[in-house]
Amino acid sequence: MQKASNRFAEFDLIRALAIVGVVITHAGFIAFSDDRRVLFISIDSLQLFCVPAFLLLSGFFLTNKLENQNNPTLIVKKRLSRIIPPYLFWSVAAYILINLGYLKKFDLISLIGHILTGSVMPPYYFIVVIIQCYFWWWLLVKLNCLEFRKILALGLAIQIIYTILFYLTAFKYISIPLPLMERWIFSWMLPFSTGLVLGRSYDRIQEYLQRIKIPVLGVTILFYLASIWENYALYIVDSDGWFARSFFKLSAQGYAILFVLSIVAFSKSIRLPSRGAGLINILAAYSFPIYLLDFAVIRYVSLVFYKFFDPANILFKLAFLASTNFIVCSAIIYLLQKVLPKRYSQYILGI
């Protein structure tokens, strides 16, 4: 694949696949419920690359341009200006929608707390994590610690520590709220660090990956299968299924990073028709506002499904929820782009 304007086409593909994965994951929460059949666990596990992929891409685009290191403070300000205003807008909007019947008891302190912890909507934890990632990169630049061995060693060490904590918590040896841990950058250190390293030496790493692309793909598939197995194994001790379905399983961490590296390895072999490439570009460009809207929209989409189609085949339910969610989110984004002045739309949509 070739670069599209100032972007990398392979990373547009990864970003598009990641946002599709996010939507399918959230649709799966409703469609699959507690169904433990292997087909549904396999579909669920297939999407586990999506949030780590977003973090890896964020790291990549911070280090891919060497001039970013000349003024890291300015770069962080620019990145934050793209994500914080839309995040604040949709957090307040979602909070009002959720508490529509209780607005007379509106609690500003509670809203601020939810915004700071990324808990207005469940997926918003990612915004809190990505903000921490930007400041982590800023600190690495200031400490002149961007040599790839140091980045990977530090990232791997921190990831190992937090992975151990996740397993100890899942096996009930210690008690740490798992949803709280997912909001710390340290739980996501390896994918972000991998992105930082990939950005610094992309041409060399890409060339190497393309030489070993079949083994990379094979190992990716093995980690994916291991993630399915681990889901069943962990469910025995993780009765609520949170950790069993999470990105933090050892197998899922390996699968997520290897999935991205597989796309990079096969990037020159991927040929998409013009319509397919156009759709990929749109999904990549709209991935952030779709992420912000997705979870709120799917609640209403599910109500429509239950009113008109339920009971129905689970796969049909998943397809309906995911596709309708995409259509509604895209329609909202399109209408807002048309209605809002361009100077304001970036503060609401982040594009």
Protein backbone atom coordinates (compact mmCIF):
# COMPACT_ATOMS: atom_id res chain seq x y z
CA MET A 1 0.00 0.00 0.00
CA GLN A 2 1.15 3.52 -0.74
CA LYS A 3 0.94 6.68 1.33
CA ALA A 4 -2.30 8.60 1.05
CA SER A 5 -1.45 12.31 1.14
CA ASN A 6 0.56 12.86 4.31
CA ARG A 7 -0.72 9.67 5.91
CA PHE A 8 0.35 6.05 5.67
CA ALA A 9 -2.23 3.96 3.82
CA GLU A 10 -1.48 0.87 5.90
CA PHE A 11 -2.16 2.83 9.07
CA ASP A 12 -5.39 4.19 7.64
CA LEU A 13 -6.36 0.54 7.17
CA ILE A 14 -5.37 -0.31 10.75
CA ARG A 15 -7.29 2.69 12.10
CA ALA A 16 -10.37 1.73 10.05
CA LEU A 17 -10.22 -1.90 11.19
CA ALA A 18 -9.74 -0.74 14.78
CA ILE A 19 -12.86 1.45 14.82
CA VAL A 20 -14.83 -1.39 13.20
CA GLY A 21 -13.49 -3.63 15.97
CA VAL A 22 -14.62 -1.18 18.65
CA VAL A 23 -18.16 -1.03 17.24
CA ILE A 24 -18.37 -4.83 16.89
CA THR A 25 -17.06 -5.26 20.44
CA HIS A 26 -19.74 -3.00 21.88
CA ALA A 27 -22.41 -4.64 19.73
CA GLY A 28 -21.13 -8.00 20.96
CA PHE A 29 -21.69 -7.04 24.58
CA ILE A 30 -25.40 -6.82 23.75
CA ALA A 31 -25.66 -9.56 21.11
CA PHE A 32 -23.62 -12.28 22.81
CA SER A 33 -24.49 -11.48 26.42
CA ASP A 34 -23.35 -14.57 28.38
CA ASP A 35 -23.29 -16.94 25.39
CA ARG A 36 -20.07 -18.97 25.69
CA ARG A 37 -20.18 -20.79 22.34
CA VAL A 38 -16.84 -20.88 20.56
CA LEU A 39 -18.04 -18.94 17.50
CA PHE A 40 -19.02 -15.94 19.60
CA ILE A 41 -15.87 -16.09 21.74
CA SER A 42 -13.85 -16.22 18.50
CA ILE A 43 -15.60 -13.12 17.10
CA ASP A 44 -15.15 -11.33 20.42
CA SER A 45 -11.45 -12.25 20.65
CA LEU A 46 -10.82 -11.16 17.06
CA GLN A 47 -11.52 -7.53 18.04
CA LEU A 48 -9.01 -7.42 20.91
CA PHE A 49 -6.44 -5.60 18.79
CA CYS A 50 -8.47 -2.40 18.39
CA VAL A 51 -7.64 -0.19 21.42
CA PRO A 52 -3.95 -1.26 21.55
CA ALA A 53 -3.80 -0.50 17.81
CA PHE A 54 -5.02 3.07 18.40
CA LEU A 55 -2.34 3.55 21.07
CA LEU A 56 0.35 2.05 18.85
CA LEU A 57 -0.61 4.44 16.03
CA SER A 58 -0.52 7.38 18.43
CA GLY A 59 3.02 6.48 19.41
CA PHE A 60 4.01 5.99 15.78
CA PHE A 61 2.88 9.44 14.65
CA LEU A 62 4.64 11.13 17.58
CA THR A 63 8.07 9.77 16.64
CA ASN A 64 7.74 9.37 12.87
CA LYS A 65 8.49 13.07 12.42
CA LEU A 66 11.83 13.84 14.03
CA GLU A 67 10.99 17.55 14.17
CA ASN A 68 8.33 16.75 16.78
CA GLN A 69 11.16 16.37 19.28
CA ASN A 70 12.27 19.97 18.73
CA ASN A 71 9.24 21.36 20.53
CA PRO A 72 7.44 18.54 22.38
CA THR A 73 5.36 20.98 24.43
CA LEU A 74 3.83 22.49 21.28
CA ILE A 75 3.13 19.03 19.83
CA VAL A 76 1.37 17.91 23.01
CA LYS A 77 -0.72 21.10 23.05
CA LYS A 78 -1.77 20.50 19.43
CA ARG A 79 -2.69 16.88 20.12
CA LEU A 80 -4.66 17.78 23.23
CA SER A 81 -6.50 20.57 21.40
CA ARG A 82 -7.83 17.95 18.97
CA ILE A 83 -9.17 15.52 21.55
CA ILE A 84 -10.07 17.40 24.74
CA PRO A 85 -12.77 19.80 23.36
CA PRO A 86 -14.74 17.00 21.60
CA TYR A 87 -14.28 14.78 24.64
CA LEU A 88 -15.65 17.47 26.96
CA PHE A 89 -18.58 18.23 24.64
CA TRP A 90 -19.70 14.61 24.26
CA SER A 91 -19.05 13.82 27.93
CA VAL A 92 -21.39 16.61 29.01
CA ALA A 93 -23.95 15.62 26.35
CA ALA A 94 -23.83 11.96 27.41
CA TYR A 95 -24.04 12.87 31.10
CA ILE A 96 -27.16 14.95 30.47
CA LEU A 97 -28.75 12.15 28.40
CA ILE A 98 -28.01 9.53 31.04
CA ASN A 99 -29.37 11.72 33.85
CA LEU A 100 -32.22 13.28 31.89
CA GLY A 101 -34.79 12.60 34.59
CA TYR A 102 -32.59 13.94 37.38
CA LEU A 103 -31.35 17.27 36.00
CA LYS A 104 -32.82 19.13 38.97
CA LYS A 105 -30.26 17.27 41.07
CA PHE A 106 -27.43 18.03 38.63
CA ASP A 107 -24.12 17.38 40.36
CA LEU A 108 -21.26 19.38 38.83
CA ILE A 109 -18.65 17.75 41.08
CA SER A 110 -19.82 14.30 39.98
CA LEU A 111 -19.64 15.33 36.31
CA ILE A 112 -16.10 16.69 36.73
CA GLY A 113 -15.07 13.48 38.48
CA HIS A 114 -16.50 11.34 35.68
CA ILE A 115 -14.75 13.48 33.04
CA LEU A 116 -11.38 13.29 34.81
CA THR A 117 -11.61 9.51 35.11
CA GLY A 118 -13.11 8.88 31.67
CA SER A 119 -16.16 7.21 33.17
CA VAL A 120 -19.09 9.20 31.75
CA MET A 121 -19.30 6.43 29.16
CA PRO A 122 -17.37 3.13 29.50
CA PRO A 123 -15.20 3.60 26.35
CA TYR A 124 -14.07 7.07 27.43
CA TYR A 125 -11.31 5.59 29.56
CA PHE A 126 -9.30 5.58 26.33
CA ILE A 127 -9.23 9.39 26.25
CA VAL A 128 -7.72 9.49 29.73
CA VAL A 129 -5.12 6.92 28.67
CA ILE A 130 -4.15 8.71 25.45
CA ILE A 131 -3.67 12.00 27.31
CA GLN A 132 -1.28 10.22 29.68
CA CYS A 133 0.53 8.76 26.65
CA TYR A 134 1.18 12.22 25.24
CA PHE A 135 2.68 13.37 28.51
CA TRP A 136 4.75 10.19 28.75
CA TRP A 137 6.24 10.89 25.31
CA TRP A 138 6.87 14.51 26.37
CA LEU A 139 8.75 13.25 29.44
CA LEU A 140 10.83 10.81 27.37
CA VAL A 141 11.83 13.63 25.00
CA LYS A 142 12.75 15.93 27.88
CA LEU A 143 14.84 13.17 29.46
CA ASN A 144 16.44 12.39 26.07
CA CYS A 145 15.29 8.79 26.45
CA LEU A 146 14.05 7.96 22.95
CA GLU A 147 16.67 5.35 22.07
CA PHE A 148 14.58 2.38 20.93
CA ARG A 149 16.16 -0.19 23.27
CA LYS A 150 15.45 2.00 26.30
CA ILE A 151 11.86 2.64 25.20
CA LEU A 152 11.12 -1.05 24.63
CA ALA A 153 12.90 -2.20 27.79
CA LEU A 154 11.06 0.33 29.95
CA GLY A 155 7.72 -0.33 28.26
CA LEU A 156 8.11 -4.10 28.54
CA ALA A 157 9.16 -3.94 32.21
CA ILE A 158 6.18 -1.78 33.19
CA GLN A 159 3.79 -3.89 31.11
CA ILE A 160 5.00 -7.10 32.78
CA ILE A 161 4.47 -5.62 36.25
CA TYR A 162 0.94 -4.49 35.46
CA THR A 163 0.08 -7.73 33.67
CA ILE A 164 1.08 -9.63 36.81
CA LEU A 165 -1.16 -7.32 38.85
CA PHE A 166 -4.06 -8.01 36.48
CA TYR A 167 -3.66 -11.77 36.85
CA LEU A 168 -3.25 -11.58 40.64
CA THR A 169 -6.45 -9.54 40.79
CA ALA A 170 -8.31 -11.90 38.46
CA PHE A 171 -7.22 -14.88 40.58
CA LYS A 172 -8.25 -12.93 43.70
CA TYR A 173 -4.83 -12.90 45.35
CA ILE A 174 -5.04 -9.11 45.61
CA SER A 175 -7.91 -6.67 45.32
CA ILE A 176 -7.53 -3.85 42.79
CA PRO A 177 -10.53 -2.56 40.79
CA LEU A 178 -9.79 -3.79 37.25
CA PRO A 179 -11.73 -0.95 35.55
CA LEU A 180 -9.55 1.49 37.51
CA MET A 181 -6.35 -0.17 36.30
CA GLU A 182 -7.39 0.11 32.66
CA ARG A 183 -7.33 3.91 33.01
CA TRP A 184 -3.58 4.03 33.72
CA ILE A 185 -1.05 4.35 30.93
CA PHE A 186 1.05 1.66 32.63
CA SER A 187 -1.53 -0.95 31.67
CA TRP A 188 -1.04 0.00 28.00
CA MET A 189 2.68 0.72 28.00
CA LEU A 190 3.83 -1.96 25.57
CA PRO A 191 1.60 -1.07 22.56
CA PHE A 192 2.36 2.63 22.96
CA SER A 193 6.10 1.96 23.34
CA THR A 194 5.99 -0.31 20.28
CA GLY A 195 4.45 2.56 18.33
CA LEU A 196 7.19 4.94 19.47
CA VAL A 197 9.88 2.51 18.31
CA LEU A 198 8.09 1.77 15.03
CA GLY A 199 7.82 5.47 14.25
CA ARG A 200 11.53 6.09 14.76
CA SER A 201 12.72 3.32 12.45
CA TYR A 202 9.72 2.55 10.27
CA ASP A 203 11.39 1.92 6.92
CA ARG A 204 13.93 -0.46 8.42
CA ILE A 205 11.39 -2.33 10.56
CA GLN A 206 8.88 -2.53 7.70
CA GLU A 207 11.51 -3.97 5.37
CA TYR A 208 12.45 -6.60 7.96
CA LEU A 209 8.82 -7.52 8.66
CA GLN A 210 8.13 -7.95 4.95
CA ARG A 211 10.95 -10.49 4.74
CA ILE A 212 9.40 -12.59 7.52
CA LYS A 213 5.73 -11.82 6.88
CA ILE A 214 4.54 -15.46 6.81
CA PRO A 215 6.07 -16.29 10.23
CA VAL A 216 4.67 -13.01 11.62
CA LEU A 217 1.20 -13.94 10.37
CA GLY A 218 1.55 -17.46 11.76
CA VAL A 219 2.53 -16.24 15.22
CA THR A 220 -0.33 -13.71 15.12
CA ILE A 221 -2.81 -16.54 14.46
CA LEU A 222 -1.29 -18.60 17.29
CA PHE A 223 -1.70 -15.71 19.75
CA TYR A 224 -5.28 -15.23 18.55
CA LEU A 225 -6.07 -18.90 19.16
CA ALA A 226 -4.36 -18.67 22.55
CA SER A 227 -6.59 -15.70 23.38
CA ILE A 228 -9.70 -17.80 22.67
CA TRP A 229 -8.37 -20.61 24.87
CA GLU A 230 -7.42 -18.17 27.64
CA ASN A 231 -10.91 -16.68 27.56
CA TYR A 232 -12.34 -20.07 28.51
CA ALA A 233 -9.58 -20.80 31.03
CA LEU A 234 -9.93 -17.47 32.84
CA TYR A 235 -13.72 -17.61 32.92
CA ILE A 236 -13.44 -20.33 35.56
CA VAL A 237 -11.93 -17.86 38.06
CA ASP A 238 -13.15 -14.57 36.55
CA SER A 239 -16.86 -15.15 37.02
CA ASP A 240 -17.99 -11.76 35.67
CA GLY A 241 -15.90 -12.29 32.52
CA TRP A 242 -14.36 -8.80 32.52
CA PHE A 243 -10.73 -9.90 32.47
CA ALA A 244 -11.43 -12.95 30.29
CA ARG A 245 -12.74 -10.62 27.55
CA SER A 246 -10.20 -7.85 28.13
CA PHE A 247 -7.17 -6.58 26.22
CA PHE A 248 -4.93 -7.27 29.22
CA LYS A 249 -4.63 -11.04 28.92
CA LEU A 250 -1.10 -12.03 27.99
CA SER A 251 -2.28 -13.70 24.79
CA ALA A 252 -4.41 -10.67 23.81
CA GLN A 253 -1.48 -8.29 24.30
CA GLY A 254 0.68 -10.34 21.97
CA TYR A 255 -2.13 -10.73 19.44
CA ALA A 256 -2.87 -6.98 19.36
CA ILE A 257 0.71 -5.94 18.64
CA LEU A 258 1.31 -8.75 16.16
CA PHE A 259 -1.94 -7.91 14.33
CA VAL A 260 -0.62 -4.42 13.59
CA LEU A 261 2.80 -5.76 12.62
CA SER A 262 1.12 -8.25 10.27
CA ILE A 263 -0.65 -5.42 8.44
CA VAL A 264 2.70 -3.62 8.16
CA ALA A 265 4.38 -6.81 6.92
CA PHE A 266 1.77 -7.35 4.18
CA SER A 267 1.26 -3.64 3.38
CA LYS A 268 2.85 -3.86 -0.08
CA SER A 269 0.78 -6.94 -0.93
CA ILE A 270 -2.60 -5.43 -0.01
CA ARG A 271 -4.52 -4.10 -2.99
CA LEU A 272 -7.94 -2.60 -2.39
CA PRO A 273 -10.44 -1.52 -5.08
CA SER A 274 -11.00 2.22 -5.28
CA ARG A 275 -14.35 2.05 -3.46
CA GLY A 276 -12.85 -0.07 -0.72
CA ALA A 277 -9.93 2.32 -0.33
CA GLY A 278 -12.36 5.24 -0.19
CA LEU A 279 -14.36 3.57 2.58
CA ILE A 280 -11.17 2.84 4.51
CA ASN A 281 -10.14 6.50 4.27
CA ILE A 282 -13.55 7.66 5.53
CA LEU A 283 -13.54 5.25 8.46
CA ALA A 284 -9.98 6.25 9.35
CA ALA A 285 -10.80 9.97 9.19
CA TYR A 286 -14.02 9.57 11.22
CA SER A 287 -12.66 7.03 13.71
CA PHE A 288 -12.40 9.48 16.62
CA PRO A 289 -15.94 10.93 16.46
CA ILE A 290 -17.33 7.43 15.85
CA TYR A 291 -15.51 6.28 18.98
CA LEU A 292 -17.06 9.12 20.99
CA LEU A 293 -20.58 8.50 19.68
CA ASP A 294 -20.65 4.72 19.37
CA PHE A 295 -21.58 3.61 22.88
CA ALA A 296 -24.31 6.22 23.32
CA VAL A 297 -25.86 5.46 19.93
CA ILE A 298 -25.86 1.68 20.34
CA ARG A 299 -28.13 1.96 23.37
CA TYR A 300 -30.88 3.43 21.20
CA VAL A 301 -30.14 1.09 18.30
CA SER A 302 -30.59 -1.86 20.65
CA LEU A 303 -33.98 -0.51 21.77
CA VAL A 304 -35.11 -0.44 18.13
CA PHE A 305 -33.87 -3.99 17.66
CA TYR A 306 -35.70 -5.33 20.71
CA LYS A 307 -38.91 -3.57 19.66
CA PHE A 308 -39.03 -4.73 16.03
CA PHE A 309 -36.76 -7.77 15.56
CA ASP A 310 -36.24 -9.62 18.83
CA PRO A 311 -36.06 -12.58 19.21
CA ALA A 312 -33.66 -13.21 16.33
CA ASN A 313 -30.52 -15.11 15.39
CA ILE A 314 -27.52 -13.87 17.39
CA LEU A 315 -25.38 -13.25 14.30
CA PHE A 316 -28.20 -11.24 12.72
CA LYS A 317 -28.48 -9.30 15.96
CA LEU A 318 -24.74 -8.53 15.91
CA ALA A 319 -24.82 -7.51 12.24
CA PHE A 320 -27.87 -5.29 12.76
CA LEU A 321 -26.47 -3.56 15.85
CA ALA A 322 -23.02 -2.96 14.35
CA SER A 323 -24.13 -1.83 10.87
CA THR A 324 -26.99 0.35 12.12
CA ASN A 325 -24.68 1.88 14.69
CA PHE A 326 -22.20 2.80 11.95
CA ILE A 327 -24.95 4.30 9.80
CA VAL A 328 -26.39 6.39 12.64
CA CYS A 329 -22.97 7.59 13.85
CA SER A 330 -21.95 8.50 10.30
CA ALA A 331 -25.23 10.35 9.74
CA ILE A 332 -24.76 12.37 12.94
CA ILE A 333 -21.20 13.26 12.00
CA TYR A 334 -22.22 14.19 8.44
CA LEU A 335 -25.09 16.41 9.63
CA LEU A 336 -22.92 18.15 12.21
CA GLN A 337 -20.26 18.81 9.58
CA LYS A 338 -22.91 20.37 7.33
CA VAL A 339 -24.62 22.41 10.05
CA LEU A 340 -21.69 23.59 12.14
CA PRO A 341 -19.27 26.28 10.95
CA LYS A 342 -15.96 24.66 10.08
CA ARG A 343 -14.10 26.57 12.79
CA TYR A 344 -16.39 25.01 15.43
CA SER A 345 -16.86 21.50 14.05
CA GLN A 346 -13.30 20.53 14.96
CA TYR A 347 -14.06 21.25 18.61
CA ILE A 348 -17.07 18.94 18.55
CA LEU A 349 -15.98 16.24 16.11
CA GLY A 350 -12.20 16.39 16.42
CA ILE A 351 -11.72 16.27 12.64
